[in-house]
PDB file of N, CA and C in Angstrom:
ATOM      1  N   MET A   1      -6.560 -23.776 -14.304  1.00  0.00           N
ATOM      2  CA  MET A   1      -7.426 -24.481 -13.267  1.00  0.00           C
ATOM      3  C   MET A   1      -8.655 -25.199 -13.727  1.00  0.00           C
ATOM      4  N   ALA A   2      -8.991 -26.357 -14.000  1.00  0.00           N
ATOM      5  CA  ALA A   2     -10.346 -26.855 -14.424  1.00  0.00           C
ATOM      6  C   ALA A   2     -11.052 -27.139 -13.270  1.00  0.00           C
ATOM      7  N   GLY A   3     -12.391 -27.039 -13.275  1.00  0.00           N
ATOM      8  CA  GLY A   3     -13.222 -27.304 -12.255  1.00  0.00           C
ATOM      9  C   GLY A   3     -13.750 -28.731 -12.480  1.00  0.00           C
ATOM     10  N   ASP A   4     -14.606 -28.992 -11.492  1.00  0.00           N
ATOM     11  CA  ASP A   4     -15.102 -30.549 -11.257  1.00  0.00           C
ATOM     12  C   ASP A   4     -16.636 -30.325 -11.330  1.00  0.00           C
ATOM     13  N   CYS A   5     -17.243 -29.509 -11.868  1.00  0.00           N
ATOM     14  CA  CYS A   5     -18.361 -29.388 -12.160  1.00  0.00           C
ATOM     15  C   CYS A   5     -19.428 -30.276 -12.732  1.00  0.00           C
ATOM     16  N   TYR A   6     -18.822 -31.033 -13.799  1.00  0.00           N
ATOM     17  CA  TYR A   6     -19.425 -32.257 -14.401  1.00  0.00           C
ATOM     18  C   TYR A   6     -19.626 -33.134 -13.383  1.00  0.00           C
ATOM     19  N   ALA A   7     -18.602 -33.750 -12.709  1.00  0.00           N
ATOM     20  CA  ALA A   7     -18.645 -34.929 -11.966  1.00  0.00           C
ATOM     21  C   ALA A   7     -19.093 -34.780 -10.290  1.00  0.00           C
ATOM     22  N   ALA A   8     -18.924 -33.355 -10.097  1.00  0.00           N
ATOM     23  CA  ALA A   8     -19.585 -33.007  -8.588  1.00  0.00           C
ATOM     24  C   ALA A   8     -21.126 -33.024  -8.633  1.00  0.00           C
ATOM     25  N   ASN A   9     -21.551 -32.635  -9.722  1.00  0.00           N
ATOM     26  CA  ASN A   9     -22.913 -32.165  -9.777  1.00  0.00           C
ATOM     27  C   ASN A   9     -23.484 -33.453 -10.325  1.00  0.00           C
ATOM     28  N   GLY A  10     -22.716 -34.313 -11.249  1.00  0.00           N
ATOM     29  CA  GLY A  10     -23.238 -35.435 -11.659  1.00  0.00           C
ATOM     30  C   GLY A  10     -23.788 -36.343 -10.580  1.00  0.00           C
ATOM     31  N   ARG A  11     -22.627 -36.694  -9.890  1.00  0.00           N
ATOM     32  CA  ARG A  11     -22.564 -37.521  -8.680  1.00  0.00           C
ATOM     33  C   ARG A  11     -23.739 -37.037  -7.297  1.00  0.00           C
ATOM     34  N   TRP A  12     -24.065 -35.836  -7.503  1.00  0.00           N
ATOM     35  CA  TRP A  12     -25.280 -35.426  -6.226  1.00  0.00           C
ATOM     36  C   TRP A  12     -26.420 -36.137  -6.992  1.00  0.00           C
ATOM     37  N   MET A  13     -26.704 -35.734  -8.025  1.00  0.00           N
ATOM     38  CA  MET A  13     -27.682 -36.087  -8.955  1.00  0.00           C
ATOM     39  C   MET A  13     -28.180 -37.744  -8.983  1.00  0.00           C
ATOM     40  N   ILE A  14     -27.085 -38.602  -8.638  1.00  0.00           N
ATOM     41  CA  ILE A  14     -27.833 -39.932  -8.893  1.00  0.00           C
ATOM     42  C   ILE A  14     -29.045 -40.202  -7.578  1.00  0.00           C
ATOM     43  N   GLY A  15     -29.886 -40.794  -8.451  1.00  0.00           N
ATOM     44  CA  GLY A  15     -31.097 -41.257  -7.653  1.00  0.00           C
ATOM     45  C   GLY A  15     -31.928 -40.095  -7.380  1.00  0.00           C
ATOM     46  N   LYS A  16     -32.005 -39.126  -7.570  1.00  0.00           N
ATOM     47  CA  LYS A  16     -32.756 -37.703  -7.227  1.00  0.00           C
ATOM     48  C   LYS A  16     -33.703 -37.590  -8.250  1.00  0.00           C
ATOM     49  N   ASP A  17     -34.979 -37.696  -7.881  1.00  0.00           N
ATOM     50  CA  ASP A  17     -36.183 -37.346  -8.907  1.00  0.00           C
ATOM     51  C   ASP A  17     -36.458 -36.039  -8.595  1.00  0.00           C
ATOM     52  N   GLY A  18     -36.933 -35.478  -9.669  1.00  0.00           N
ATOM     53  CA  GLY A  18     -37.261 -33.943  -9.740  1.00  0.00           C
ATOM     54  C   GLY A  18     -36.408 -32.888  -9.787  1.00  0.00           C
ATOM     55  N   TYR A  19     -35.031 -33.324 -10.145  1.00  0.00           N
ATOM     56  CA  TYR A  19     -34.001 -32.587 -10.302  1.00  0.00           C
ATOM     57  C   TYR A  19     -33.579 -32.472 -11.630  1.00  0.00           C
ATOM     58  N   GLN A  20     -32.864 -31.434 -12.502  1.00  0.00           N
ATOM     59  CA  GLN A  20     -32.261 -31.499 -13.716  1.00  0.00           C
ATOM     60  C   GLN A  20     -30.857 -31.662 -13.674  1.00  0.00           C
ATOM     61  N   LEU A  21     -29.977 -31.849 -14.075  1.00  0.00           N
ATOM     62  CA  LEU A  21     -28.618 -31.587 -14.272  1.00  0.00           C
ATOM     63  C   LEU A  21     -28.931 -30.495 -15.773  1.00  0.00           C
ATOM     64  N   VAL A  22     -27.835 -29.833 -15.735  1.00  0.00           N
ATOM     65  CA  VAL A  22     -27.891 -28.814 -16.621  1.00  0.00           C
ATOM     66  C   VAL A  22     -26.248 -28.409 -17.108  1.00  0.00           C
ATOM     67  N   HIS A  23     -25.956 -28.860 -18.606  1.00  0.00           N
ATOM     68  CA  HIS A  23     -24.732 -28.454 -18.929  1.00  0.00           C
ATOM     69  C   HIS A  23     -25.044 -27.217 -19.751  1.00  0.00           C
ATOM     70  N   GLY A  24     -24.479 -26.218 -19.697  1.00  0.00           N
ATOM     71  CA  GLY A  24     -24.298 -24.950 -20.249  1.00  0.00           C
ATOM     72  C   GLY A  24     -23.026 -24.233 -20.337  1.00  0.00           C
ATOM     73  N   VAL A  25     -23.198 -22.858 -20.934  1.00  0.00           N
ATOM     74  CA  VAL A  25     -22.152 -22.180 -20.770  1.00  0.00           C
ATOM     75  C   VAL A  25     -22.261 -20.819 -19.984  1.00  0.00           C
ATOM     76  N   ALA A  26     -21.380 -20.443 -19.429  1.00  0.00           N
ATOM     77  CA  ALA A  26     -21.647 -19.241 -18.740  1.00  0.00           C
ATOM     78  C   ALA A  26     -20.219 -18.198 -18.844  1.00  0.00           C
ATOM     79  N   ILE A  27     -20.385 -17.223 -18.137  1.00  0.00           N
ATOM     80  CA  ILE A  27     -19.426 -15.936 -18.465  1.00  0.00           C
ATOM     81  C   ILE A  27     -18.311 -16.199 -17.129  1.00  0.00           C
ATOM     82  N   LEU A  28     -17.322 -16.408 -17.095  1.00  0.00           N
ATOM     83  CA  LEU A  28     -16.236 -16.312 -15.996  1.00  0.00           C
ATOM     84  C   LEU A  28     -16.349 -14.978 -15.596  1.00  0.00           C
ATOM     85  N   PRO A  29     -16.509 -14.450 -14.275  1.00  0.00           N
ATOM     86  CA  PRO A  29     -16.507 -13.159 -14.004  1.00  0.00           C
ATOM     87  C   PRO A  29     -15.097 -12.557 -14.002  1.00  0.00           C
ATOM     88  N   ARG A  30     -14.273 -13.592 -13.652  1.00  0.00           N
ATOM     89  CA  ARG A  30     -12.861 -13.164 -13.346  1.00  0.00           C
ATOM     90  C   ARG A  30     -12.129 -12.759 -14.839  1.00  0.00           C
ATOM     91  N   ASP A  31     -12.557 -13.170 -15.825  1.00  0.00           N
ATOM     92  CA  ASP A  31     -12.055 -12.927 -16.947  1.00  0.00           C
ATOM     93  C   ASP A  31     -12.977 -12.276 -18.075  1.00  0.00           C
ATOM     94  N   GLY A  32     -14.212 -12.843 -17.852  1.00  0.00           N
ATOM     95  CA  GLY A  32     -15.394 -12.216 -18.827  1.00  0.00           C
ATOM     96  C   GLY A  32     -15.325 -13.250 -19.961  1.00  0.00           C
ATOM     97  N   LYS A  33     -14.786 -14.339 -20.019  1.00  0.00           N
ATOM     98  CA  LYS A  33     -14.846 -15.005 -21.058  1.00  0.00           C
ATOM     99  C   LYS A  33     -15.646 -16.439 -20.748  1.00  0.00           C
ATOM    100  N   PRO A  34     -16.337 -16.804 -21.860  1.00  0.00           N
ATOM    101  CA  PRO A  34     -17.486 -18.214 -21.954  1.00  0.00           C
ATOM    102  C   PRO A  34     -16.504 -19.274 -21.229  1.00  0.00           C
ATOM    103  N   PHE A  35     -17.151 -20.136 -20.611  1.00  0.00           N
ATOM    104  CA  PHE A  35     -16.464 -21.616 -20.215  1.00  0.00           C
ATOM    105  C   PHE A  35     -17.676 -22.418 -19.879  1.00  0.00           C
ATOM    106  N   GLY A  36     -17.600 -23.816 -20.307  1.00  0.00           N
ATOM    107  CA  GLY A  36     -18.501 -24.859 -19.960  1.00  0.00           C
ATOM    108  C   GLY A  36     -18.767 -24.999 -18.418  1.00  0.00           C
ATOM    109  N   HIS A  37     -20.012 -25.076 -18.090  1.00  0.00           N
ATOM    110  CA  HIS A  37     -20.268 -25.329 -16.785  1.00  0.00           C
ATOM    111  C   HIS A  37     -21.740 -26.022 -16.805  1.00  0.00           C
ATOM    112  N   CYS A  38     -21.624 -26.827 -15.661  1.00  0.00           N
ATOM    113  CA  CYS A  38     -22.842 -27.982 -15.196  1.00  0.00           C
ATOM    114  C   CYS A  38     -23.110 -27.293 -13.600  1.00  0.00           C
ATOM    115  N   TRP A  39     -24.664 -27.530 -13.612  1.00  0.00           N
ATOM    116  CA  TRP A  39     -25.339 -27.363 -12.361  1.00  0.00           C
ATOM    117  C   TRP A  39     -26.927 -27.903 -12.327  1.00  0.00           C
ATOM    118  N   ILE A  40     -27.346 -27.838 -11.286  1.00  0.00           N
ATOM    119  CA  ILE A  40     -28.385 -28.372 -11.110  1.00  0.00           C
ATOM    120  C   ILE A  40     -29.511 -27.802 -10.797  1.00  0.00           C
ATOM    121  N   GLU A  41     -30.677 -27.801 -11.253  1.00  0.00           N
ATOM    122  CA  GLU A  41     -32.080 -27.137 -11.113  1.00  0.00           C
ATOM    123  C   GLU A  41     -33.205 -27.771 -10.585  1.00  0.00           C
ATOM    124  N   LYS A  42     -34.050 -27.409  -9.717  1.00  0.00           N
ATOM    125  CA  LYS A  42     -35.204 -27.753  -9.539  1.00  0.00           C
ATOM    126  C   LYS A  42     -36.185 -26.548  -8.843  1.00  0.00           C
ATOM    127  N   GLY A  43     -37.260 -26.655 -10.030  1.00  0.00           N
ATOM    128  CA  GLY A  43     -37.971 -25.252  -9.629  1.00  0.00           C
ATOM    129  C   GLY A  43     -37.238 -24.099 -10.261  1.00  0.00           C
ATOM    130  N   ASN A  44     -37.454 -23.226  -9.337  1.00  0.00           N
ATOM    131  CA  ASN A  44     -36.569 -21.929  -9.398  1.00  0.00           C
ATOM    132  C   ASN A  44     -35.331 -21.552  -8.560  1.00  0.00           C
ATOM    133  N   GLN A  45     -34.672 -22.790  -8.169  1.00  0.00           N
ATOM    134  CA  GLN A  45     -33.618 -23.133  -7.522  1.00  0.00           C
ATOM    135  C   GLN A  45     -32.342 -23.840  -8.268  1.00  0.00           C
ATOM    136  N   VAL A  46     -31.331 -23.216  -7.945  1.00  0.00           N
ATOM    137  CA  VAL A  46     -30.405 -23.933  -8.525  1.00  0.00           C
ATOM    138  C   VAL A  46     -29.363 -24.086  -7.311  1.00  0.00           C
ATOM    139  N   LEU A  47     -28.416 -25.481  -7.659  1.00  0.00           N
ATOM    140  CA  LEU A  47     -27.711 -25.843  -6.551  1.00  0.00           C
ATOM    141  C   LEU A  47     -26.348 -26.366  -7.432  1.00  0.00           C
ATOM    142  N   ASP A  48     -25.061 -25.742  -6.903  1.00  0.00           N
ATOM    143  CA  ASP A  48     -24.008 -26.152  -7.643  1.00  0.00           C
ATOM    144  C   ASP A  48     -22.956 -26.466  -6.591  1.00  0.00           C
ATOM    145  N   PHE A  49     -22.253 -28.052  -6.603  1.00  0.00           N
ATOM    146  CA  PHE A  49     -21.564 -28.593  -5.543  1.00  0.00           C
ATOM    147  C   PHE A  49     -20.004 -28.522  -6.232  1.00  0.00           C
ATOM    148  N   SER A  50     -19.992 -27.983  -7.347  1.00  0.00           N
ATOM    149  CA  SER A  50     -18.576 -28.016  -7.989  1.00  0.00           C
ATOM    150  C   SER A  50     -17.482 -27.330  -7.013  1.00  0.00           C
ATOM    151  N   ASN A  51     -16.322 -27.796  -7.166  1.00  0.00           N
ATOM    152  CA  ASN A  51     -15.099 -27.343  -6.465  1.00  0.00           C
ATOM    153  C   ASN A  51     -15.243 -27.232  -4.945  1.00  0.00           C
ATOM    154  N   GLY A  52     -15.919 -28.387  -4.138  1.00  0.00           N
ATOM    155  CA  GLY A  52     -16.126 -28.022  -3.086  1.00  0.00           C
ATOM    156  C   GLY A  52     -17.361 -27.258  -2.165  1.00  0.00           C
ATOM    157  N   LYS A  53     -17.879 -26.783  -3.099  1.00  0.00           N
ATOM    158  CA  LYS A  53     -19.034 -25.551  -2.810  1.00  0.00           C
ATOM    159  C   LYS A  53     -20.237 -26.111  -2.533  1.00  0.00           C
ATOM    160  N   LYS A  54     -20.903 -25.434  -1.657  1.00  0.00           N
ATOM    161  CA  LYS A  54     -22.535 -25.835  -1.612  1.00  0.00           C
ATOM    162  C   LYS A  54     -23.494 -24.617  -2.115  1.00  0.00           C
ATOM    163  N   VAL A  55     -23.223 -24.431  -3.349  1.00  0.00           N
ATOM    164  CA  VAL A  55     -24.065 -23.076  -3.725  1.00  0.00           C
ATOM    165  C   VAL A  55     -25.681 -23.562  -3.991  1.00  0.00           C
ATOM    166  N   LYS A  56     -26.507 -22.789  -3.284  1.00  0.00           N
ATOM    167  CA  LYS A  56     -27.849 -22.689  -3.513  1.00  0.00           C
ATOM    168  C   LYS A  56     -28.274 -21.158  -3.692  1.00  0.00           C
ATOM    169  N   LEU A  57     -29.020 -21.026  -5.092  1.00  0.00           N
ATOM    170  CA  LEU A  57     -29.396 -19.533  -5.356  1.00  0.00           C
ATOM    171  C   LEU A  57     -30.662 -19.754  -6.210  1.00  0.00           C
ATOM    172  N   PRO A  58     -31.397 -18.599  -6.265  1.00  0.00           N
ATOM    173  CA  PRO A  58     -32.595 -18.534  -6.896  1.00  0.00           C
ATOM    174  C   PRO A  58     -32.008 -18.717  -8.577  1.00  0.00           C
ATOM    175  N   LYS A  59     -32.695 -19.158  -9.262  1.00  0.00           N
ATOM    176  CA  LYS A  59     -32.395 -19.556 -10.836  1.00  0.00           C
ATOM    177  C   LYS A  59     -32.105 -18.019 -11.533  1.00  0.00           C
ATOM    178  N   LYS A  60     -33.045 -17.275 -11.306  1.00  0.00           N
ATOM    179  CA  LYS A  60     -32.704 -15.843 -11.614  1.00  0.00           C
ATOM    180  C   LYS A  60     -31.631 -15.237 -11.512  1.00  0.00           C
ATOM    181  N   LEU A  61     -31.178 -15.243 -10.349  1.00  0.00           N
ATOM    182  CA  LEU A  61     -29.901 -14.702  -9.902  1.00  0.00           C
ATOM    183  C   LEU A  61     -28.841 -15.606 -10.342  1.00  0.00           C
ATOM    184  N   PHE A  62     -28.839 -16.847 -10.381  1.00  0.00           N
ATOM    185  CA  PHE A  62     -27.311 -17.617 -10.824  1.00  0.00           C
ATOM    186  C   PHE A  62     -27.731 -17.070 -12.362  1.00  0.00           C
ATOM    187  N   TYR A  63     -28.576 -17.265 -13.147  1.00  0.00           N
ATOM    188  CA  TYR A  63     -28.351 -17.099 -14.518  1.00  0.00           C
ATOM    189  C   TYR A  63     -27.764 -15.577 -14.794  1.00  0.00           C
ATOM    190  N   GLU A  64     -28.337 -14.442 -13.709  1.00  0.00           N
ATOM    191  CA  GLU A  64     -27.847 -13.188 -14.026  1.00  0.00           C
ATOM    192  C   GLU A  64     -26.134 -13.044 -13.314  1.00  0.00           C
ATOM    193  N   LEU A  65     -25.575 -13.710 -12.777  1.00  0.00           N
ATOM    194  CA  LEU A  65     -24.344 -13.824 -12.476  1.00  0.00           C
ATOM    195  C   LEU A  65     -23.383 -14.394 -13.468  1.00  0.00           C
ATOM    196  N   GLY A  66     -23.946 -15.517 -14.363  1.00  0.00           N
ATOM    197  CA  GLY A  66     -23.123 -15.981 -15.194  1.00  0.00           C
ATOM    198  C   GLY A  66     -23.710 -15.585 -16.620  1.00  0.00           C
ATOM    199  N   ASN A  67     -24.348 -14.757 -16.950  1.00  0.00           N
ATOM    200  CA  ASN A  67     -25.032 -14.083 -17.890  1.00  0.00           C
ATOM    201  C   ASN A  67     -25.319 -15.385 -18.639  1.00  0.00           C
ATOM    202  N   ILE A  68     -26.205 -16.415 -18.243  1.00  0.00           N
ATOM    203  CA  ILE A  68     -26.736 -17.253 -18.912  1.00  0.00           C
ATOM    204  C   ILE A  68     -28.226 -17.235 -19.340  1.00  0.00           C
ATOM    205  N   PRO A  69     -28.382 -17.517 -20.618  1.00  0.00           N
ATOM    206  CA  PRO A  69     -27.898 -18.464 -21.303  1.00  0.00           C
ATOM    207  C   PRO A  69     -26.750 -17.203 -22.332  1.00  0.00           C
ATOM    208  N   VAL A  70     -25.561 -18.087 -22.595  1.00  0.00           N
ATOM    209  CA  VAL A  70     -24.351 -17.288 -23.406  1.00  0.00           C
ATOM    210  C   VAL A  70     -24.812 -17.707 -24.772  1.00  0.00           C
ATOM    211  N   LYS A  71     -24.991 -16.729 -25.830  1.00  0.00           N
ATOM    212  CA  LYS A  71     -25.152 -17.324 -27.244  1.00  0.00           C
ATOM    213  C   LYS A  71     -24.007 -17.440 -27.862  1.00  0.00           C
ATOM    214  N   PRO A  72     -23.859 -18.390 -28.634  1.00  0.00           N
ATOM    215  CA  PRO A  72     -24.867 -19.144 -29.279  1.00  0.00           C
ATOM    216  C   PRO A  72     -25.416 -20.489 -28.914  1.00  0.00           C
ATOM    217  N   HIS A  73     -24.688 -20.569 -27.501  1.00  0.00           N
ATOM    218  CA  HIS A  73     -24.846 -21.872 -26.772  1.00  0.00           C
ATOM    219  C   HIS A  73     -26.252 -22.044 -26.232  1.00  0.00           C
ATOM    220  N   LYS A  74     -26.763 -23.407 -25.962  1.00  0.00           N
ATOM    221  CA  LYS A  74     -27.603 -24.008 -25.567  1.00  0.00           C
ATOM    222  C   LYS A  74     -27.500 -24.409 -24.375  1.00  0.00           C
ATOM    223  N   LEU A  75     -29.048 -24.955 -23.950  1.00  0.00           N
ATOM    224  CA  LEU A  75     -28.714 -25.533 -22.459  1.00  0.00           C
ATOM    225  C   LEU A  75     -29.234 -26.726 -22.621  1.00  0.00           C
ATOM    226  N   TYR A  76     -28.408 -27.720 -22.091  1.00  0.00           N
ATOM    227  CA  TYR A  76     -28.885 -29.161 -22.032  1.00  0.00           C
ATOM    228  C   TYR A  76     -29.421 -29.736 -20.324  1.00  0.00           C
ATOM    229  N   LYS A  77     -30.487 -30.501 -20.321  1.00  0.00           N
ATOM    230  CA  LYS A  77     -31.065 -30.729 -19.446  1.00  0.00           C
ATOM    231  C   LYS A  77     -31.368 -32.142 -19.361  1.00  0.00           C
ATOM    232  N   TYR A  78     -30.994 -32.892 -18.161  1.00  0.00           N
ATOM    233  CA  TYR A  78     -31.147 -34.216 -18.107  1.00  0.00           C
ATOM    234  C   TYR A  78     -31.832 -34.721 -16.803  1.00  0.00           C
ATOM    235  N   ASN A  79     -32.531 -35.446 -16.531  1.00  0.00           N
ATOM    236  CA  ASN A  79     -32.994 -36.084 -15.352  1.00  0.00           C
ATOM    237  C   ASN A  79     -31.838 -37.230 -14.979  1.00  0.00           C
ATOM    238  N   TRP A  80     -31.762 -37.753 -13.751  1.00  0.00           N
ATOM    239  CA  TRP A  80     -30.744 -38.805 -13.333  1.00  0.00           C
ATOM    240  C   TRP A  80     -30.759 -39.776 -14.174  1.00  0.00           C
ATOM    241  N   GLU A  81     -31.789 -40.408 -14.695  1.00  0.00           N
ATOM    242  CA  GLU A  81     -31.801 -41.563 -15.450  1.00  0.00           C
ATOM    243  C   GLU A  81     -31.215 -41.228 -16.792  1.00  0.00           C
ATOM    244  N   GLU A  82     -31.468 -40.246 -17.572  1.00  0.00           N
ATOM    245  CA  GLU A  82     -31.004 -39.924 -18.954  1.00  0.00           C
ATOM    246  C   GLU A  82     -29.159 -39.643 -18.610  1.00  0.00           C
ATOM    247  N   MET A  83     -29.078 -38.855 -17.657  1.00  0.00           N
ATOM    248  CA  MET A  83     -27.470 -38.569 -17.206  1.00  0.00           C
ATOM    249  C   MET A  83     -26.795 -39.723 -16.997  1.00  0.00           C
ATOM    250  N   GLY A  84     -27.289 -40.799 -16.186  1.00  0.00           N
ATOM    251  CA  GLY A  84     -26.530 -42.123 -16.114  1.00  0.00           C
ATOM    252  C   GLY A  84     -26.408 -42.508 -17.534  1.00  0.00           C
ATOM    253  N   LYS A  85     -27.211 -43.195 -18.268  1.00  0.00           N
ATOM    254  CA  LYS A  85     -27.121 -43.489 -19.606  1.00  0.00           C
ATOM    255  C   LYS A  85     -26.012 -42.824 -20.372  1.00  0.00           C
ATOM    256  N   LEU A  86     -26.086 -41.492 -20.324  1.00  0.00           N
ATOM    257  CA  LEU A  86     -24.885 -40.768 -21.297  1.00  0.00           C
ATOM    258  C   LEU A  86     -23.584 -41.145 -20.769  1.00  0.00           C
ATOM    259  N   MET A  87     -23.586 -40.965 -18.956  1.00  0.00           N
ATOM    260  CA  MET A  87     -21.934 -41.057 -18.640  1.00  0.00           C
ATOM    261  C   MET A  87     -21.719 -42.546 -18.826  1.00  0.00           C
ATOM    262  N   VAL A  88     -22.278 -43.551 -18.788  1.00  0.00           N
ATOM    263  CA  VAL A  88     -22.216 -45.206 -19.265  1.00  0.00           C
ATOM    264  C   VAL A  88     -21.556 -44.950 -20.660  1.00  0.00           C
ATOM    265  N   ARG A  89     -22.538 -44.639 -21.341  1.00  0.00           N
ATOM    266  CA  ARG A  89     -22.150 -44.539 -22.724  1.00  0.00           C
ATOM    267  C   ARG A  89     -20.842 -43.783 -23.427  1.00  0.00           C
ATOM    268  N   ASN A  90     -20.543 -42.520 -22.769  1.00  0.00           N
ATOM    269  CA  ASN A  90     -19.606 -42.009 -23.111  1.00  0.00           C
ATOM    270  C   ASN A  90     -18.358 -42.091 -22.167  1.00  0.00           C
ATOM    271  N   GLY A  91     -18.586 -42.945 -21.133  1.00  0.00           N
ATOM    272  CA  GLY A  91     -17.655 -43.092 -20.251  1.00  0.00           C
ATOM    273  C   GLY A  91     -16.781 -41.702 -19.542  1.00  0.00           C
ATOM    274  N   HIS A  92     -17.648 -40.813 -19.398  1.00  0.00           N
ATOM    275  CA  HIS A  92     -17.270 -39.594 -18.425  1.00  0.00           C
ATOM    276  C   HIS A  92     -18.410 -38.673 -17.922  1.00  0.00           C
ATOM    277  N   TRP A  93     -18.046 -37.694 -17.459  1.00  0.00           N
ATOM    278  CA  TRP A  93     -19.306 -37.223 -16.668  1.00  0.00           C
ATOM    279  C   TRP A  93     -19.935 -35.881 -17.408  1.00  0.00           C
ATOM    280  N   GLY A  94     -19.176 -35.725 -18.770  1.00  0.00           N
ATOM    281  CA  GLY A  94     -19.820 -34.598 -19.674  1.00  0.00           C
ATOM    282  C   GLY A  94     -18.821 -33.286 -19.780  1.00  0.00           C
ATOM    283  N   PRO A  95     -19.197 -32.659 -20.739  1.00  0.00           N
ATOM    284  CA  PRO A  95     -20.415 -32.308 -21.347  1.00  0.00           C
ATOM    285  C   PRO A  95     -20.678 -33.503 -22.709  1.00  0.00           C
ATOM    286  N   TRP A  96     -21.750 -33.866 -22.622  1.00  0.00           N
ATOM    287  CA  TRP A  96     -22.146 -34.848 -23.888  1.00  0.00           C
ATOM    288  C   TRP A  96     -22.726 -34.338 -25.244  1.00  0.00           C
ATOM    289  N   ASP A  97     -23.632 -33.328 -24.774  1.00  0.00           N
ATOM    290  CA  ASP A  97     -24.403 -32.816 -26.042  1.00  0.00           C
ATOM    291  C   ASP A  97     -23.649 -31.676 -26.503  1.00  0.00           C
ATOM    292  N   SER A  98     -22.626 -30.877 -25.970  1.00  0.00           N
ATOM    293  CA  SER A  98     -22.023 -29.353 -26.485  1.00  0.00           C
ATOM    294  C   SER A  98     -20.558 -29.595 -26.444  1.00  0.00           C
ATOM    295  N   LYS A  99     -20.268 -28.518 -27.165  1.00  0.00           N
ATOM    296  CA  LYS A  99     -18.723 -28.308 -27.400  1.00  0.00           C
ATOM    297  C   LYS A  99     -18.316 -27.109 -26.603  1.00  0.00           C
ATOM    298  N   PRO A 100     -18.442 -26.816 -25.477  1.00  0.00           N
ATOM    299  CA  PRO A 100     -17.859 -25.716 -24.778  1.00  0.00           C
ATOM    300  C   PRO A 100     -16.623 -24.892 -25.041  1.00  0.00           C
ATOM    301  N   PRO A 101     -16.449 -23.733 -25.113  1.00  0.00           N
ATOM    302  CA  PRO A 101     -15.456 -22.883 -25.541  1.00  0.00           C
ATOM    303  C   PRO A 101     -14.103 -23.200 -24.523  1.00  0.00           C
ATOM    304  N   ARG A 102     -14.493 -23.629 -23.448  1.00  0.00           N
ATOM    305  CA  ARG A 102     -13.191 -23.953 -22.432  1.00  0.00           C
ATOM    306  C   ARG A 102     -13.964 -24.723 -21.282  1.00  0.00           C
TER     307      ARG A 102
END
């Protein structure tokens, strides 16, 4: 089952100053394998609106739960204007700069 993290979090980001959309890789607790994921950061808080949820966690805890960052994968961070340009240029919500394992 594929999630909607790129679209859900990207839609939420539109027009929001001070937030960063993050594309990265986390470890799925269910099977212990890496997967591409997208979330939102502001300061030390993480927001994630994927799959109908409204997750708000301290960044440190979110990163611990997902074993983020997963080596050798980088984190890519975008403000809403950068995100919009990449979305239009590529014709999809992401990922744009990475090739996640799944």
